[in-house]
Amino acid sequence: CYYYYYYYYYYYYYYYYYYYYDCEVDEDSSRSNVFRSNGFIQPGDRCANLFTINLFSALNNITTMMAGNCGAHVVSVGDITLLTKSHFEALNSIKLNVLLGVPSTILQFIDAMQQHGVHIEIEKVVFNGEGLKTFQKKIIREAFGQQVSIVGVYG
């Protein structure tokens, strides 16, 4: 994988906006083969990886490699509480269409997006790390429409 870092300094603290991963396709990846063969994550999809690197490092890496092996572009969003309206507008400008994360961070992303008054046309949601509850699925569908595809790779 090739990693591109976009960051800024703020009062001596290092924050990152996004990590952009450009991965070579590994035809032997079994999880990726499932997504590729079912057409769920496709080449050209633009995915937001919502797994934080500090707490969910393994899930962050696995999810990034899985989507990258399907030919998707992956943007690691980082700490959602630091996102501003311009971050969401930038994600909108790249035509982000897939969210990858644990249900709680997916809901946090939706809440922050709505608070900043930006709507992103998400077509697919992939969750991992915890189960998706009925009320969480309802919130996701209310935010992105009934047509949004939701797939769990948990367990």
N, C-alpha and C. Protein backbone atom coordinates (compact mmCIF):
# COMPACT_ATOMS: atom_id res chain seq x y z
N CYS A 1 0.84 -1.19 0.00
CA CYS A 1 0.00 0.00 0.00
C CYS A 1 0.87 1.24 0.00
N TYR A 2 0.36 2.26 -0.58
CA TYR A 2 1.02 3.55 -0.54
C TYR A 2 0.16 4.45 0.34
N TYR A 3 0.79 5.17 1.24
CA TYR A 3 0.05 6.00 2.18
C TYR A 3 0.34 7.47 1.88
N TYR A 4 -0.69 8.25 1.81
CA TYR A 4 -0.55 9.68 1.60
C TYR A 4 -1.11 10.36 2.84
N TYR A 5 -0.31 11.22 3.46
CA TYR A 5 -0.74 11.84 4.71
C TYR A 5 -1.07 13.32 4.48
N TYR A 6 -2.19 13.71 4.97
CA TYR A 6 -2.57 15.12 4.96
C TYR A 6 -2.76 15.51 6.42
N TYR A 7 -2.00 16.49 6.87
CA TYR A 7 -2.07 16.81 8.29
C TYR A 7 -1.83 18.30 8.49
N TYR A 8 -2.05 18.76 9.71
CA TYR A 8 -1.72 20.13 10.08
C TYR A 8 -1.30 20.16 11.53
N TYR A 9 -0.61 21.22 11.89
CA TYR A 9 -0.19 21.38 13.27
C TYR A 9 -1.06 22.44 13.93
N TYR A 10 -1.43 22.20 15.18
CA TYR A 10 -2.30 23.13 15.89
C TYR A 10 -1.83 23.16 17.33
N TYR A 11 -1.25 24.28 17.77
CA TYR A 11 -0.77 24.42 19.15
C TYR A 11 0.11 23.25 19.57
N TYR A 12 1.06 22.90 18.72
CA TYR A 12 2.04 21.84 18.99
C TYR A 12 1.45 20.45 19.03
N TYR A 13 0.21 20.28 18.70
CA TYR A 13 -0.39 18.95 18.65
C TYR A 13 -0.50 18.52 17.19
N TYR A 14 -0.28 17.26 16.94
CA TYR A 14 -0.35 16.72 15.59
C TYR A 14 -1.74 16.14 15.38
N TYR A 15 -2.45 16.64 14.42
CA TYR A 15 -3.74 16.10 14.03
C TYR A 15 -3.65 15.72 12.56
N TYR A 16 -4.38 14.75 12.16
CA TYR A 16 -4.39 14.42 10.75
C TYR A 16 -5.81 14.56 10.23
N TYR A 17 -5.91 15.02 9.03
CA TYR A 17 -7.21 15.08 8.38
C TYR A 17 -7.58 13.70 7.88
N TYR A 18 -6.78 13.17 7.00
CA TYR A 18 -7.12 11.91 6.38
C TYR A 18 -5.85 11.12 6.11
N TYR A 19 -5.95 9.84 6.09
CA TYR A 19 -4.95 8.99 5.48
C TYR A 19 -5.63 8.44 4.24
N TYR A 20 -4.97 8.55 3.13
CA TYR A 20 -5.52 8.02 1.89
C TYR A 20 -4.69 6.80 1.51
N TYR A 21 -5.33 5.70 1.34
CA TYR A 21 -4.64 4.45 1.03
C TYR A 21 -4.88 4.08 -0.42
N ASP A 22 -3.82 3.82 -1.11
CA ASP A 22 -3.91 3.36 -2.50
C ASP A 22 -3.26 1.99 -2.53
N CYS A 23 -4.06 0.94 -2.52
CA CYS A 23 -3.56 -0.42 -2.35
C CYS A 23 -3.54 -1.18 -3.67
N GLU A 24 -2.56 -2.05 -3.78
CA GLU A 24 -2.53 -2.98 -4.90
C GLU A 24 -3.52 -4.10 -4.61
N VAL A 25 -4.15 -4.61 -5.62
CA VAL A 25 -5.14 -5.67 -5.43
C VAL A 25 -4.44 -7.00 -5.19
N ASP A 26 -4.84 -7.67 -4.12
CA ASP A 26 -4.32 -8.99 -3.78
C ASP A 26 -5.42 -10.00 -4.09
N GLU A 27 -5.27 -10.73 -5.17
CA GLU A 27 -6.31 -11.66 -5.62
C GLU A 27 -6.55 -12.81 -4.65
N ASP A 28 -5.62 -13.05 -3.73
CA ASP A 28 -5.74 -14.19 -2.82
C ASP A 28 -6.50 -13.87 -1.54
N SER A 29 -6.88 -12.65 -1.32
CA SER A 29 -7.54 -12.27 -0.08
C SER A 29 -8.96 -12.83 -0.06
N SER A 30 -9.24 -13.77 0.83
CA SER A 30 -10.53 -14.45 0.82
C SER A 30 -11.69 -13.52 1.16
N ARG A 31 -11.53 -12.65 2.17
CA ARG A 31 -12.61 -11.73 2.54
C ARG A 31 -12.88 -10.76 1.39
N SER A 32 -11.82 -10.29 0.76
CA SER A 32 -11.99 -9.39 -0.38
C SER A 32 -12.66 -10.09 -1.54
N ASN A 33 -12.33 -11.37 -1.76
CA ASN A 33 -12.98 -12.12 -2.83
C ASN A 33 -14.48 -12.19 -2.63
N VAL A 34 -14.91 -12.35 -1.37
CA VAL A 34 -16.35 -12.38 -1.08
C VAL A 34 -17.00 -11.07 -1.47
N PHE A 35 -16.40 -9.95 -1.06
CA PHE A 35 -16.97 -8.65 -1.40
C PHE A 35 -16.91 -8.39 -2.90
N ARG A 36 -15.79 -8.73 -3.53
CA ARG A 36 -15.64 -8.52 -4.97
C ARG A 36 -16.62 -9.36 -5.76
N SER A 37 -16.73 -10.65 -5.41
CA SER A 37 -17.60 -11.55 -6.18
C SER A 37 -19.07 -11.19 -6.02
N ASN A 38 -19.43 -10.64 -4.87
CA ASN A 38 -20.82 -10.21 -4.66
C ASN A 38 -21.06 -8.80 -5.16
N GLY A 39 -20.01 -8.13 -5.61
CA GLY A 39 -20.16 -6.78 -6.13
C GLY A 39 -20.45 -5.74 -5.07
N PHE A 40 -20.17 -6.08 -3.80
CA PHE A 40 -20.52 -5.12 -2.76
C PHE A 40 -19.55 -3.95 -2.72
N ILE A 41 -18.28 -4.22 -2.58
CA ILE A 41 -17.28 -3.16 -2.69
C ILE A 41 -16.62 -3.35 -4.04
N GLN A 42 -16.70 -2.30 -4.86
CA GLN A 42 -16.27 -2.40 -6.25
C GLN A 42 -15.12 -1.45 -6.53
N PRO A 43 -14.36 -1.73 -7.58
CA PRO A 43 -13.31 -0.79 -7.98
C PRO A 43 -13.92 0.59 -8.21
N GLY A 44 -13.26 1.59 -7.69
CA GLY A 44 -13.74 2.96 -7.84
C GLY A 44 -14.60 3.45 -6.69
N ASP A 45 -15.08 2.55 -5.82
CA ASP A 45 -15.81 3.02 -4.63
C ASP A 45 -14.88 3.90 -3.81
N ARG A 46 -15.45 4.88 -3.16
CA ARG A 46 -14.72 5.78 -2.29
C ARG A 46 -15.21 5.56 -0.87
N CYS A 47 -14.35 4.98 -0.04
CA CYS A 47 -14.73 4.52 1.29
C CYS A 47 -14.13 5.41 2.38
N ALA A 48 -14.93 5.71 3.39
CA ALA A 48 -14.43 6.39 4.59
C ALA A 48 -14.22 5.34 5.66
N ASN A 49 -12.98 5.17 6.08
CA ASN A 49 -12.65 4.24 7.16
C ASN A 49 -12.79 5.00 8.47
N LEU A 50 -13.80 4.65 9.26
CA LEU A 50 -14.09 5.35 10.50
C LEU A 50 -13.45 4.71 11.72
N PHE A 51 -12.70 3.63 11.51
CA PHE A 51 -12.01 3.01 12.64
C PHE A 51 -10.87 3.91 13.09
N THR A 52 -10.83 4.22 14.39
CA THR A 52 -9.73 5.03 14.89
C THR A 52 -8.48 4.17 14.98
N ILE A 53 -7.36 4.78 14.72
CA ILE A 53 -6.11 4.03 14.67
C ILE A 53 -5.67 3.62 16.07
N ASN A 54 -5.96 4.41 17.08
CA ASN A 54 -5.47 4.08 18.42
C ASN A 54 -6.22 2.90 19.03
N LEU A 55 -7.53 2.86 18.94
CA LEU A 55 -8.32 1.84 19.61
C LEU A 55 -8.56 0.61 18.74
N PHE A 56 -8.81 0.84 17.48
CA PHE A 56 -9.15 -0.26 16.57
C PHE A 56 -8.11 -0.40 15.46
N SER A 57 -6.83 -0.40 15.82
CA SER A 57 -5.77 -0.46 14.80
C SER A 57 -5.90 -1.67 13.89
N ALA A 58 -6.17 -2.83 14.48
CA ALA A 58 -6.28 -4.04 13.66
C ALA A 58 -7.46 -3.94 12.70
N LEU A 59 -8.61 -3.48 13.20
CA LEU A 59 -9.79 -3.34 12.33
C LEU A 59 -9.55 -2.29 11.27
N ASN A 60 -8.85 -1.21 11.62
CA ASN A 60 -8.51 -0.17 10.66
C ASN A 60 -7.70 -0.78 9.52
N ASN A 61 -6.67 -1.52 9.85
CA ASN A 61 -5.80 -2.10 8.83
C ASN A 61 -6.52 -3.16 8.01
N ILE A 62 -7.26 -4.05 8.67
CA ILE A 62 -7.97 -5.11 7.96
C ILE A 62 -8.99 -4.53 6.99
N THR A 63 -9.76 -3.56 7.47
CA THR A 63 -10.80 -2.95 6.64
C THR A 63 -10.20 -2.21 5.46
N THR A 64 -9.11 -1.49 5.70
CA THR A 64 -8.45 -0.76 4.63
C THR A 64 -7.93 -1.72 3.56
N MET A 65 -7.29 -2.79 4.00
CA MET A 65 -6.76 -3.76 3.04
C MET A 65 -7.89 -4.48 2.29
N MET A 66 -8.97 -4.80 3.00
CA MET A 66 -10.09 -5.48 2.37
C MET A 66 -10.69 -4.61 1.26
N ALA A 67 -10.97 -3.35 1.58
CA ALA A 67 -11.55 -2.46 0.58
C ALA A 67 -10.55 -2.18 -0.54
N GLY A 68 -9.29 -1.98 -0.17
CA GLY A 68 -8.26 -1.73 -1.17
C GLY A 68 -8.09 -2.90 -2.12
N ASN A 69 -8.18 -4.12 -1.58
CA ASN A 69 -8.06 -5.31 -2.43
C ASN A 69 -9.25 -5.47 -3.36
N CYS A 70 -10.33 -4.80 -3.06
CA CYS A 70 -11.49 -4.80 -3.97
C CYS A 70 -11.37 -3.71 -5.03
N GLY A 71 -10.31 -2.91 -4.95
CA GLY A 71 -10.11 -1.84 -5.92
C GLY A 71 -10.71 -0.52 -5.50
N ALA A 72 -11.14 -0.41 -4.25
CA ALA A 72 -11.74 0.83 -3.76
C ALA A 72 -10.65 1.79 -3.27
N HIS A 73 -10.99 3.05 -3.20
CA HIS A 73 -10.13 4.08 -2.62
C HIS A 73 -10.59 4.27 -1.18
N VAL A 74 -9.65 4.37 -0.25
CA VAL A 74 -9.99 4.45 1.17
C VAL A 74 -9.42 5.72 1.78
N VAL A 75 -10.27 6.47 2.47
CA VAL A 75 -9.87 7.64 3.22
C VAL A 75 -10.08 7.34 4.69
N SER A 76 -9.01 7.41 5.50
CA SER A 76 -9.15 7.21 6.93
C SER A 76 -9.51 8.56 7.55
N VAL A 77 -10.68 8.64 8.13
CA VAL A 77 -11.23 9.91 8.59
C VAL A 77 -10.59 10.38 9.89
N GLY A 78 -10.27 9.48 10.79
CA GLY A 78 -9.67 9.89 12.06
C GLY A 78 -10.72 10.24 13.09
N ASP A 79 -10.37 11.13 13.99
CA ASP A 79 -11.24 11.52 15.11
C ASP A 79 -12.42 12.35 14.60
N ILE A 80 -13.60 11.80 14.66
CA ILE A 80 -14.80 12.45 14.13
C ILE A 80 -15.11 13.75 14.85
N THR A 81 -14.75 13.84 16.14
CA THR A 81 -15.05 15.05 16.91
C THR A 81 -14.25 16.25 16.40
N LEU A 82 -13.19 16.03 15.64
CA LEU A 82 -12.37 17.12 15.11
C LEU A 82 -12.81 17.58 13.73
N LEU A 83 -13.75 16.88 13.11
CA LEU A 83 -14.17 17.22 11.75
C LEU A 83 -14.98 18.51 11.73
N THR A 84 -14.73 19.31 10.72
CA THR A 84 -15.46 20.55 10.52
C THR A 84 -16.33 20.41 9.26
N LYS A 85 -17.08 21.46 9.00
CA LYS A 85 -17.93 21.44 7.81
C LYS A 85 -17.09 21.25 6.54
N SER A 86 -15.92 21.87 6.50
CA SER A 86 -15.07 21.75 5.31
C SER A 86 -14.58 20.31 5.10
N HIS A 87 -14.40 19.55 6.19
CA HIS A 87 -14.03 18.14 6.05
C HIS A 87 -15.15 17.37 5.34
N PHE A 88 -16.38 17.61 5.79
CA PHE A 88 -17.52 16.90 5.19
C PHE A 88 -17.72 17.34 3.74
N GLU A 89 -17.49 18.62 3.46
CA GLU A 89 -17.59 19.09 2.07
C GLU A 89 -16.51 18.45 1.20
N ALA A 90 -15.31 18.26 1.77
CA ALA A 90 -14.24 17.59 1.02
C ALA A 90 -14.60 16.14 0.74
N LEU A 91 -15.17 15.46 1.74
CA LEU A 91 -15.60 14.07 1.54
C LEU A 91 -16.71 14.01 0.49
N ASN A 92 -17.57 15.01 0.48
CA ASN A 92 -18.64 15.09 -0.52
C ASN A 92 -18.05 15.33 -1.91
N SER A 93 -17.01 16.15 -1.98
CA SER A 93 -16.43 16.49 -3.28
C SER A 93 -15.74 15.29 -3.94
N ILE A 94 -15.27 14.33 -3.14
CA ILE A 94 -14.67 13.13 -3.73
C ILE A 94 -15.73 12.05 -4.00
N LYS A 95 -16.98 12.41 -3.75
CA LYS A 95 -18.12 11.51 -3.99
C LYS A 95 -18.02 10.23 -3.16
N LEU A 96 -17.76 10.45 -1.85
CA LEU A 96 -17.70 9.35 -0.90
C LEU A 96 -19.00 8.56 -0.98
N ASN A 97 -18.92 7.22 -1.05
CA ASN A 97 -20.15 6.45 -1.16
C ASN A 97 -20.22 5.24 -0.23
N VAL A 98 -19.14 4.98 0.54
CA VAL A 98 -19.13 3.83 1.45
C VAL A 98 -18.60 4.26 2.81
N LEU A 99 -19.27 3.82 3.88
CA LEU A 99 -18.77 4.01 5.24
C LEU A 99 -18.33 2.66 5.79
N LEU A 100 -17.17 2.63 6.43
CA LEU A 100 -16.63 1.43 7.06
C LEU A 100 -16.36 1.77 8.53
N GLY A 101 -16.94 1.02 9.46
CA GLY A 101 -16.67 1.31 10.87
C GLY A 101 -17.52 0.50 11.81
N VAL A 102 -17.33 0.75 13.11
CA VAL A 102 -18.21 0.15 14.10
C VAL A 102 -19.50 0.97 14.12
N PRO A 103 -20.63 0.36 14.46
CA PRO A 103 -21.90 1.09 14.44
C PRO A 103 -21.87 2.41 15.23
N SER A 104 -21.22 2.42 16.38
CA SER A 104 -21.22 3.65 17.18
C SER A 104 -20.50 4.79 16.47
N THR A 105 -19.39 4.52 15.76
CA THR A 105 -18.72 5.60 15.04
C THR A 105 -19.47 5.98 13.76
N ILE A 106 -20.17 5.04 13.17
CA ILE A 106 -21.01 5.37 12.01
C ILE A 106 -22.09 6.35 12.43
N LEU A 107 -22.72 6.10 13.58
CA LEU A 107 -23.74 7.02 14.08
C LEU A 107 -23.14 8.36 14.47
N GLN A 108 -21.93 8.34 15.02
CA GLN A 108 -21.25 9.59 15.37
C GLN A 108 -20.95 10.39 14.11
N PHE A 109 -20.55 9.72 13.04
CA PHE A 109 -20.29 10.38 11.76
C PHE A 109 -21.57 11.01 11.22
N ILE A 110 -22.68 10.27 11.28
CA ILE A 110 -23.97 10.79 10.81
C ILE A 110 -24.35 12.02 11.61
N ASP A 111 -24.22 11.96 12.93
CA ASP A 111 -24.57 13.08 13.79
C ASP A 111 -23.74 14.31 13.46
N ALA A 112 -22.43 14.14 13.32
CA ALA A 112 -21.55 15.27 12.99
C ALA A 112 -21.88 15.84 11.62
N MET A 113 -22.13 14.97 10.65
CA MET A 113 -22.48 15.40 9.29
C MET A 113 -23.74 16.27 9.32
N GLN A 114 -24.75 15.80 10.05
CA GLN A 114 -26.01 16.54 10.14
C GLN A 114 -25.84 17.85 10.90
N GLN A 115 -25.03 17.86 11.94
CA GLN A 115 -24.80 19.09 12.70
C GLN A 115 -24.12 20.15 11.84
N HIS A 116 -23.29 19.72 10.90
CA HIS A 116 -22.62 20.67 10.01
C HIS A 116 -23.45 20.99 8.78
N GLY A 117 -24.63 20.40 8.67
CA GLY A 117 -25.54 20.72 7.57
C GLY A 117 -25.09 20.22 6.21
N VAL A 118 -24.34 19.14 6.19
CA VAL A 118 -23.86 18.56 4.93
C VAL A 118 -24.49 17.18 4.77
N HIS A 119 -24.94 16.88 3.56
CA HIS A 119 -25.47 15.54 3.30
C HIS A 119 -24.56 14.85 2.29
N ILE A 120 -24.13 13.65 2.63
CA ILE A 120 -23.28 12.85 1.75
C ILE A 120 -24.11 11.65 1.28
N GLU A 121 -24.08 11.39 -0.01
CA GLU A 121 -24.86 10.29 -0.59
C GLU A 121 -24.13 8.96 -0.37
N ILE A 122 -24.37 8.35 0.75
CA ILE A 122 -23.76 7.06 1.06
C ILE A 122 -24.65 5.95 0.50
N GLU A 123 -24.04 5.03 -0.24
CA GLU A 123 -24.77 3.91 -0.83
C GLU A 123 -24.61 2.62 -0.04
N LYS A 124 -23.45 2.48 0.66
CA LYS A 124 -23.14 1.22 1.34
C LYS A 124 -22.52 1.51 2.70
N VAL A 125 -22.88 0.69 3.67
CA VAL A 125 -22.32 0.77 5.02
C VAL A 125 -21.83 -0.63 5.40
N VAL A 126 -20.56 -0.72 5.80
CA VAL A 126 -19.99 -1.98 6.26
C VAL A 126 -19.60 -1.79 7.72
N PHE A 127 -20.16 -2.63 8.59
CA PHE A 127 -19.83 -2.50 10.01
C PHE A 127 -19.10 -3.73 10.51
N ASN A 128 -18.30 -3.51 11.56
CA ASN A 128 -17.50 -4.56 12.17
C ASN A 128 -17.21 -4.13 13.60
N GLY A 129 -16.74 -5.05 14.42
CA GLY A 129 -16.32 -4.71 15.77
C GLY A 129 -17.40 -4.78 16.82
N GLU A 130 -18.64 -4.66 16.43
CA GLU A 130 -19.78 -4.79 17.34
C GLU A 130 -21.02 -5.04 16.50
N GLY A 131 -22.05 -5.60 17.11
CA GLY A 131 -23.29 -5.86 16.39
C GLY A 131 -24.05 -4.58 16.09
N LEU A 132 -24.90 -4.63 15.08
CA LEU A 132 -25.74 -3.49 14.70
C LEU A 132 -27.13 -3.72 15.26
N LYS A 133 -27.58 -2.78 16.08
CA LYS A 133 -28.90 -2.88 16.70
C LYS A 133 -29.96 -2.31 15.76
N THR A 134 -31.20 -2.69 15.99
CA THR A 134 -32.31 -2.25 15.13
C THR A 134 -32.42 -0.74 15.08
N PHE A 135 -32.29 -0.07 16.23
CA PHE A 135 -32.42 1.39 16.24
C PHE A 135 -31.27 2.05 15.48
N GLN A 136 -30.09 1.42 15.47
CA GLN A 136 -28.96 1.97 14.73
C GLN A 136 -29.19 1.85 13.23
N LYS A 137 -29.73 0.72 12.81
CA LYS A 137 -30.06 0.53 11.39
C LYS A 137 -31.09 1.56 10.94
N LYS A 138 -32.05 1.86 11.81
CA LYS A 138 -33.08 2.85 11.49
C LYS A 138 -32.45 4.24 11.30
N ILE A 139 -31.51 4.60 12.17
CA ILE A 139 -30.84 5.90 12.05
C ILE A 139 -30.05 5.98 10.74
N ILE A 140 -29.37 4.90 10.38
CA ILE A 140 -28.60 4.87 9.13
C ILE A 140 -29.52 5.03 7.93
N ARG A 141 -30.64 4.34 7.93
CA ARG A 141 -31.59 4.43 6.81
C ARG A 141 -32.26 5.81 6.75
N GLU A 142 -32.53 6.41 7.91
CA GLU A 142 -33.10 7.76 7.91
C GLU A 142 -32.11 8.77 7.35
N ALA A 143 -30.83 8.57 7.61
CA ALA A 143 -29.81 9.51 7.15
C ALA A 143 -29.50 9.36 5.66
N PHE A 144 -29.47 8.13 5.17
CA PHE A 144 -29.02 7.88 3.80
C PHE A 144 -30.08 7.29 2.88
N GLY A 145 -31.26 7.02 3.40
CA GLY A 145 -32.34 6.48 2.59
C GLY A 145 -32.50 4.98 2.76
N GLN A 146 -33.67 4.50 2.41
CA GLN A 146 -33.98 3.08 2.56
C GLN A 146 -33.16 2.20 1.62
N GLN A 147 -32.64 2.78 0.54
CA GLN A 147 -31.89 2.01 -0.44
C GLN A 147 -30.46 1.70 -0.01
N VAL A 148 -29.96 2.32 1.07
CA VAL A 148 -28.59 2.09 1.49
C VAL A 148 -28.39 0.61 1.86
N SER A 149 -27.32 0.02 1.35
CA SER A 149 -27.00 -1.38 1.65
C SER A 149 -26.17 -1.42 2.92
N ILE A 150 -26.54 -2.30 3.84
CA ILE A 150 -25.84 -2.44 5.11
C ILE A 150 -25.36 -3.88 5.23
N VAL A 151 -24.05 -4.05 5.41
CA VAL A 151 -23.46 -5.38 5.52
C VAL A 151 -22.58 -5.44 6.76
N GLY A 152 -22.76 -6.50 7.52
CA GLY A 152 -21.93 -6.72 8.69
C GLY A 152 -20.87 -7.77 8.44
N VAL A 153 -19.66 -7.49 8.87
CA VAL A 153 -18.59 -8.48 8.80
C VAL A 153 -18.13 -8.81 10.23
N TYR A 154 -19.05 -8.62 11.16
CA TYR A 154 -18.76 -8.87 12.57
C TYR A 154 -19.03 -10.32 12.90
N GLY A 155 -18.02 -10.98 13.46
CA GLY A 155 -18.21 -12.34 13.96
C GLY A 155 -18.08 -13.42 12.95
